[in-house]
């Protein structure tokens, strides 16, 4: 399970493939890796 925060929305992806599909059209700068953020 992959958790990312994008433009204030927390989105949980079941897999990396699903994440890549959704994020293809999203600017990388808008994506926050929540896992790294919580450390």
N, C-alpha and C. Protein backbone atom coordinates (compact mmCIF):
# COMPACT_ATOMS: atom_id res chain seq x y z
N UNK A 1 0.84 -1.19 0.00
CA UNK A 1 0.00 0.00 0.00
C UNK A 1 0.88 1.25 0.00
N UNK A 2 0.56 2.19 -0.85
CA UNK A 2 1.37 3.40 -1.00
C UNK A 2 0.50 4.61 -0.68
N UNK A 3 0.97 5.45 0.22
CA UNK A 3 0.20 6.64 0.60
C UNK A 3 0.92 7.88 0.09
N UNK A 4 0.20 8.73 -0.60
CA UNK A 4 0.77 10.00 -1.08
C UNK A 4 -0.22 11.11 -0.78
N UNK A 5 0.33 12.30 -0.56
CA UNK A 5 -0.54 13.47 -0.39
C UNK A 5 -0.35 14.35 -1.62
N UNK A 6 -1.43 14.62 -2.32
CA UNK A 6 -1.37 15.41 -3.55
C UNK A 6 -2.33 16.58 -3.42
N UNK A 7 -1.79 17.80 -3.49
CA UNK A 7 -2.61 19.01 -3.39
C UNK A 7 -3.56 18.94 -2.21
N UNK A 8 -3.07 18.49 -1.07
CA UNK A 8 -3.87 18.47 0.14
C UNK A 8 -4.75 17.25 0.31
N UNK A 9 -4.79 16.38 -0.70
CA UNK A 9 -5.59 15.17 -0.58
C UNK A 9 -4.67 13.99 -0.30
N UNK A 10 -5.03 13.18 0.67
CA UNK A 10 -4.26 11.97 0.93
C UNK A 10 -4.88 10.85 0.12
N UNK A 11 -4.05 10.22 -0.69
CA UNK A 11 -4.54 9.17 -1.58
C UNK A 11 -3.77 7.89 -1.28
N UNK A 12 -4.50 6.80 -1.14
CA UNK A 12 -3.87 5.51 -0.87
C UNK A 12 -3.98 4.66 -2.13
N UNK A 13 -2.84 4.18 -2.61
CA UNK A 13 -2.81 3.35 -3.80
C UNK A 13 -2.53 1.91 -3.40
N UNK A 14 -3.21 0.96 -4.04
CA UNK A 14 -2.99 -0.45 -3.71
C UNK A 14 -1.64 -0.95 -4.18
N UNK A 15 -1.08 -0.33 -5.22
CA UNK A 15 0.19 -0.80 -5.75
C UNK A 15 0.90 0.34 -6.47
N UNK A 16 2.18 0.11 -6.77
CA UNK A 16 2.95 1.13 -7.47
C UNK A 16 2.43 1.32 -8.89
N UNK A 17 1.95 0.24 -9.51
CA UNK A 17 1.41 0.35 -10.87
C UNK A 17 0.20 1.28 -10.90
N UNK A 18 -0.68 1.11 -9.91
CA UNK A 18 -1.87 1.96 -9.84
C UNK A 18 -1.48 3.41 -9.62
N UNK A 19 -0.46 3.62 -8.79
CA UNK A 19 -0.01 4.98 -8.52
C UNK A 19 0.51 5.62 -9.81
N UNK A 20 1.32 4.90 -10.57
CA UNK A 20 1.89 5.45 -11.80
C UNK A 20 0.79 5.79 -12.80
N UNK A 21 -0.22 4.94 -12.89
CA UNK A 21 -1.33 5.21 -13.81
C UNK A 21 -2.02 6.52 -13.46
N UNK A 22 -2.31 6.70 -12.18
CA UNK A 22 -3.03 7.89 -11.74
C UNK A 22 -2.17 9.13 -11.84
N UNK A 23 -0.88 8.98 -11.53
CA UNK A 23 -0.02 10.15 -11.43
C UNK A 23 0.65 10.54 -12.74
N UNK A 24 0.38 9.81 -13.82
CA UNK A 24 0.99 10.14 -15.10
C UNK A 24 0.77 11.59 -15.48
N UNK A 25 -0.41 12.12 -15.18
CA UNK A 25 -0.75 13.48 -15.59
C UNK A 25 -0.66 14.48 -14.45
N UNK A 26 0.01 14.09 -13.36
CA UNK A 26 0.15 14.98 -12.21
C UNK A 26 1.60 15.43 -12.10
N UNK A 27 1.80 16.70 -11.83
CA UNK A 27 3.16 17.20 -11.67
C UNK A 27 3.81 16.59 -10.43
N UNK A 28 5.04 16.14 -10.58
CA UNK A 28 5.73 15.48 -9.48
C UNK A 28 5.89 16.41 -8.28
N UNK A 29 6.03 17.72 -8.54
CA UNK A 29 6.24 18.67 -7.44
C UNK A 29 5.04 18.70 -6.49
N UNK A 30 3.87 18.33 -6.99
CA UNK A 30 2.66 18.39 -6.18
C UNK A 30 2.51 17.19 -5.25
N UNK A 31 3.39 16.19 -5.43
CA UNK A 31 3.22 14.93 -4.70
C UNK A 31 4.14 14.91 -3.49
N UNK A 32 3.58 14.61 -2.34
CA UNK A 32 4.36 14.50 -1.11
C UNK A 32 4.35 13.05 -0.68
N UNK A 33 5.53 12.51 -0.43
CA UNK A 33 5.63 11.14 0.06
C UNK A 33 5.34 11.16 1.55
N UNK A 34 4.17 10.70 1.93
CA UNK A 34 3.73 10.77 3.32
C UNK A 34 4.62 9.90 4.20
N UNK A 35 5.12 8.81 3.66
CA UNK A 35 5.98 7.92 4.44
C UNK A 35 7.25 8.65 4.88
N UNK A 36 7.85 9.43 3.98
CA UNK A 36 9.06 10.18 4.33
C UNK A 36 8.72 11.35 5.25
N UNK A 37 7.56 11.94 5.03
CA UNK A 37 7.15 13.12 5.79
C UNK A 37 7.00 12.81 7.28
N UNK A 38 6.56 11.59 7.60
CA UNK A 38 6.27 11.25 8.99
C UNK A 38 7.52 10.90 9.79
N UNK A 39 8.66 10.78 9.12
CA UNK A 39 9.89 10.42 9.85
C UNK A 39 10.46 11.60 10.59
